[in-house]
Amino acid sequence: MTEETPGFDEQQPQGQPQQPDVPSSGSEDAEPKAAPEEGAAPAGDAAAAAQVAGLTAQLDQVRTALGERTADLQRLQAEYQNYRRRVERDRITVKEIAVANLLTELLPVLDDIGRAREHGELVGGFKSVAESLETVAAKMGLQQFGKEGEPFDPTIHEALMHSYAPDVTETTCVAILQPGYRIGERTIRPARVAVAEPQPGAQTVKADAESAETPDDKENGGPDEG
């Protein structure tokens, strides 16, 4: 009797060839990788160029908007400076007008003080008060003008009396009836004066007299010697 080989029944059935063992590892990696598509690099360059062009356009728009906002800011600043200067000028003008109105109301009082001084009545406590008032008015910019003998100027003088005088060569203020007052270059009251004009025909007579006084010896070179 022959001995049975253990495990013989578990062998493959007869008639079927034995398949060789094939390693299973790496079967999935055996598939070939897809080759890169042709023309991919040029397409990427075109996209990058388009993106750069878009960014450049946006940058130009931002620069344009920035320039417009800067111009608006400069214009607004200029308008604000003009507004400040206008407000300051108006403030000064209003102040000058207010001071001029106040001093105009005080002119009759100053005239009374002047007449009292001329008549010798400015004495005692009244003199101190009057001088203090004149000092305050001068500090506020009030200036008195008008003197005898100065030429008549219709822009600052008001002629209340008129006469002729042989000793004047032009219309002259011969008496100051009321002094004039100004604040800076602004006249708040003209000087009220009496004026005198040259005597009619006086200039013609004077010119004829000067021409008649010309000695004949100037033409002959001197007096004749005996």
Protein backbone atom coordinates (compact mmCIF):
# COMPACT_ATOMS: atom_id res chain seq x y z
CA MET A 1 0.00 0.00 0.00
CA THR A 2 1.19 3.42 -0.83
CA GLU A 3 1.03 6.28 1.61
CA GLU A 4 -1.17 9.24 0.71
CA THR A 5 0.56 12.50 0.37
CA PRO A 6 -1.02 14.94 2.78
CA GLY A 7 -2.87 17.81 1.17
CA PHE A 8 -3.01 16.19 -2.18
CA ASP A 9 -6.76 16.55 -2.40
CA GLU A 10 -6.51 20.31 -1.95
CA GLN A 11 -4.48 20.71 -5.08
CA GLN A 12 -6.03 22.10 -8.20
CA PRO A 13 -8.35 19.87 -10.15
CA GLN A 14 -6.97 17.94 -12.98
CA GLY A 15 -7.21 19.28 -16.41
CA GLN A 16 -6.75 22.94 -15.43
CA PRO A 17 -3.33 24.42 -15.92
CA GLN A 18 -1.74 26.07 -12.97
CA GLN A 19 -1.67 29.87 -13.31
CA PRO A 20 1.59 31.51 -12.48
CA ASP A 21 1.61 33.95 -9.61
CA VAL A 22 1.54 37.61 -10.85
CA PRO A 23 2.60 40.25 -8.45
CA SER A 24 -0.33 42.55 -7.69
CA SER A 25 1.69 45.47 -6.49
CA GLY A 26 2.20 48.26 -8.99
CA SER A 27 -0.58 47.23 -11.29
CA GLU A 28 -2.29 50.59 -10.94
CA ASP A 29 0.92 52.48 -11.57
CA ALA A 30 1.43 50.72 -14.80
CA GLU A 31 -0.98 53.06 -16.59
CA PRO A 32 0.93 55.66 -18.66
CA LYS A 33 0.66 59.36 -17.59
CA ALA A 34 -1.02 61.79 -19.91
CA ALA A 35 1.41 63.89 -21.88
CA PRO A 36 1.19 67.70 -21.45
CA GLU A 37 -1.00 69.41 -23.95
CA GLU A 38 0.70 71.38 -26.64
CA GLY A 39 0.19 75.18 -26.55
CA ALA A 40 -0.38 75.40 -22.76
CA ALA A 41 2.53 77.81 -22.19
CA PRO A 42 1.39 80.40 -24.80
CA ALA A 43 -2.13 80.38 -23.35
CA GLY A 44 -0.73 81.12 -19.88
CA ASP A 45 1.31 84.06 -21.22
CA ALA A 46 -1.78 85.56 -22.89
CA ALA A 47 -3.76 85.30 -19.66
CA ALA A 48 -0.96 86.96 -17.70
CA ALA A 49 -0.73 89.76 -20.27
CA ALA A 50 -4.49 90.29 -20.10
CA GLN A 51 -4.31 90.44 -16.31
CA VAL A 52 -1.47 92.99 -16.45
CA ALA A 53 -3.43 95.10 -18.93
CA GLY A 54 -6.45 95.04 -16.64
CA LEU A 55 -4.36 96.09 -13.65
CA THR A 56 -2.78 98.89 -15.69
CA ALA A 57 -6.20 100.18 -16.70
CA GLN A 58 -7.35 100.10 -13.07
CA LEU A 59 -4.19 101.96 -12.04
CA ASP A 60 -4.85 104.63 -14.66
CA GLN A 61 -8.39 105.02 -13.37
CA VAL A 62 -7.15 105.35 -9.80
CA ARG A 63 -4.58 107.97 -10.88
CA THR A 64 -7.26 109.92 -12.74
CA ALA A 65 -9.59 109.82 -9.73
CA LEU A 66 -6.72 110.86 -7.45
CA GLY A 67 -5.92 113.83 -9.70
CA GLU A 68 -9.55 114.92 -9.71
CA ARG A 69 -9.81 114.65 -5.92
CA THR A 70 -6.55 116.58 -5.53
CA ALA A 71 -7.83 119.35 -7.82
CA ASP A 72 -11.09 119.47 -5.83
CA LEU A 73 -9.15 119.73 -2.58
CA GLN A 74 -6.95 122.53 -3.92
CA ARG A 75 -9.99 124.42 -5.20
CA LEU A 76 -11.73 123.96 -1.85
CA GLN A 77 -8.66 125.20 -0.01
CA ALA A 78 -8.44 128.27 -2.27
CA GLU A 79 -12.13 129.02 -1.70
CA TYR A 80 -11.62 128.69 2.05
CA GLN A 81 -8.67 131.09 1.99
CA ASN A 82 -10.72 133.59 -0.04
CA TYR A 83 -13.56 133.20 2.44
CA ARG A 84 -11.25 133.88 5.38
CA ARG A 85 -9.82 136.98 3.71
CA ARG A 86 -13.31 138.22 2.85
CA VAL A 87 -14.53 137.66 6.41
CA GLU A 88 -11.49 139.44 7.82
CA ARG A 89 -11.96 142.36 5.41
CA ASP A 90 -15.65 142.59 6.27
CA ARG A 91 -14.85 142.46 9.96
CA ILE A 92 -12.39 145.34 9.63
CA THR A 93 -14.88 147.32 7.54
CA VAL A 94 -17.66 146.81 10.08
CA LYS A 95 -15.32 147.89 12.87
CA GLU A 96 -14.28 151.03 10.98
CA ILE A 97 -17.90 151.91 10.25
CA ALA A 98 -18.87 151.43 13.91
CA VAL A 99 -15.96 153.60 15.09
CA ALA A 100 -16.75 156.27 12.47
CA ASN A 101 -20.40 156.38 13.52
CA LEU A 102 -19.44 156.75 17.17
CA LEU A 103 -16.92 159.49 16.50
CA THR A 104 -19.35 161.29 14.19
CA GLU A 105 -21.78 161.54 17.09
CA LEU A 106 -19.00 163.02 19.23
CA LEU A 107 -18.04 165.76 16.76
CA PRO A 108 -20.49 168.36 18.18
CA VAL A 109 -19.00 167.76 21.63
CA LEU A 110 -15.48 168.24 20.24
CA ASP A 111 -16.65 171.45 18.54
CA ASP A 112 -17.96 172.73 21.88
CA ILE A 113 -14.63 171.89 23.50
CA GLY A 114 -12.80 173.78 20.76
CA ARG A 115 -14.98 176.89 21.19
CA ALA A 116 -14.57 176.77 24.95
CA ARG A 117 -10.79 176.60 24.51
CA GLU A 118 -10.85 179.63 22.18
CA HIS A 119 -12.83 181.67 24.72
CA GLY A 120 -10.68 180.63 27.67
CA GLU A 121 -13.48 178.67 29.33
CA LEU A 122 -11.68 175.33 29.33
CA VAL A 123 -10.57 175.29 32.97
CA GLY A 124 -10.79 173.09 36.04
CA GLY A 125 -12.36 169.67 35.92
CA PHE A 126 -14.01 170.41 32.58
CA LYS A 127 -10.56 170.83 31.06
CA SER A 128 -9.40 167.42 32.31
CA VAL A 129 -12.53 165.69 31.00
CA ALA A 130 -12.25 167.45 27.64
CA GLU A 131 -8.59 166.54 27.21
CA SER A 132 -9.31 162.90 28.15
CA LEU A 133 -12.09 162.76 25.56
CA GLU A 134 -9.81 164.21 22.87
CA THR A 135 -7.10 161.69 23.78
CA VAL A 136 -9.49 158.75 23.51
CA ALA A 137 -10.79 160.02 20.15
CA ALA A 138 -7.22 160.34 18.87
CA LYS A 139 -6.44 156.76 19.97
CA MET A 140 -9.44 155.56 17.98
CA GLY A 141 -7.88 157.13 14.86
CA LEU A 142 -9.66 160.51 14.72
CA GLN A 143 -7.52 163.19 13.06
CA GLN A 144 -8.32 166.89 12.79
CA PHE A 145 -7.39 168.88 9.68
CA GLY A 146 -7.89 172.32 8.19
CA LYS A 147 -5.54 175.30 8.46
CA GLU A 148 -5.68 178.88 7.34
CA GLY A 149 -3.67 179.67 4.22
CA GLU A 150 -3.85 176.22 2.64
CA PRO A 151 -5.23 175.85 -0.91
CA PHE A 152 -8.93 175.11 -1.17
CA ASP A 153 -9.64 171.45 -1.97
CA PRO A 154 -13.32 170.67 -2.64
CA THR A 155 -12.79 167.02 -1.67
CA ILE A 156 -11.93 167.91 1.94
CA HIS A 157 -13.16 171.51 2.31
CA GLU A 158 -16.66 172.95 2.37
CA ALA A 159 -16.76 176.65 1.50
CA LEU A 160 -19.31 178.54 3.59
CA MET A 161 -18.05 182.08 2.80
CA HIS A 162 -16.53 183.51 -0.36
CA SER A 163 -14.56 186.70 -1.02
CA TYR A 164 -11.80 188.19 -3.18
CA ALA A 165 -8.33 189.18 -2.01
CA PRO A 166 -5.52 190.86 -3.92
CA ASP A 167 -2.78 188.98 -2.04
CA VAL A 168 -3.74 185.42 -3.08
CA THR A 169 -2.85 183.70 -6.33
CA GLU A 170 -5.35 180.83 -6.05
CA THR A 171 -8.49 179.94 -4.15
CA THR A 172 -7.29 179.84 -0.55
CA CYS A 173 -8.80 179.00 2.84
CA VAL A 174 -8.57 182.25 4.77
CA ALA A 175 -10.58 181.18 7.84
CA ILE A 176 -11.46 177.81 9.43
CA LEU A 177 -15.04 177.97 10.67
CA GLN A 178 -15.16 174.32 11.74
CA PRO A 179 -12.24 171.87 11.55
CA GLY A 180 -12.53 168.75 9.49
CA TYR A 181 -12.05 165.22 10.78
CA ARG A 182 -10.87 162.00 9.17
CA ILE A 183 -10.16 158.42 10.17
CA GLY A 184 -7.21 157.17 8.17
CA GLU A 185 -7.97 158.07 4.56
CA ARG A 186 -11.72 158.36 5.16
CA THR A 187 -13.11 161.86 5.69
CA ILE A 188 -16.03 161.82 8.11
CA ARG A 189 -16.56 165.62 8.00
CA PRO A 190 -15.03 168.18 5.64
CA ALA A 191 -13.48 171.34 7.04
CA ARG A 192 -15.92 174.24 6.82
CA VAL A 193 -13.97 177.28 5.68
CA ALA A 194 -14.12 180.78 4.27
CA VAL A 195 -12.30 181.08 0.97
CA ALA A 196 -10.83 183.96 -0.98
CA GLU A 197 -10.11 184.10 -4.69
CA PRO A 198 -7.67 186.37 -6.51
CA GLN A 199 -9.05 189.84 -7.33
CA PRO A 200 -10.40 189.88 -10.90
CA GLY A 201 -7.86 191.54 -13.21
CA ALA A 202 -5.12 191.52 -10.56
CA GLN A 203 -3.04 188.96 -12.44
CA THR A 204 -3.29 190.90 -15.70
CA VAL A 205 -2.23 194.17 -14.04
CA LYS A 206 0.67 192.43 -12.32
CA ALA A 207 1.88 190.85 -15.55
CA ASP A 208 1.70 194.19 -17.37
CA ALA A 209 3.64 195.89 -14.59
CA GLU A 210 6.39 193.28 -14.70
CA SER A 211 6.75 193.64 -18.47
CA ALA A 212 6.87 197.45 -18.20
CA GLU A 213 9.66 197.37 -15.61
CA THR A 214 12.15 195.88 -18.09
CA PRO A 215 15.02 198.44 -18.40
CA ASP A 216 16.16 199.57 -21.83
CA ASP A 217 19.80 199.43 -20.83
CA LYS A 218 19.62 195.58 -20.85
CA GLU A 219 19.19 195.73 -24.59
CA ASN A 220 21.98 198.31 -25.04
CA GLY A 221 24.44 196.53 -22.78
CA GLY A 222 24.37 199.11 -19.95
CA PRO A 223 23.99 202.87 -19.35
CA ASP A 224 25.75 205.29 -21.68
CA GLU A 225 28.93 206.84 -20.31
CA GLY A 226 29.16 210.70 -20.52
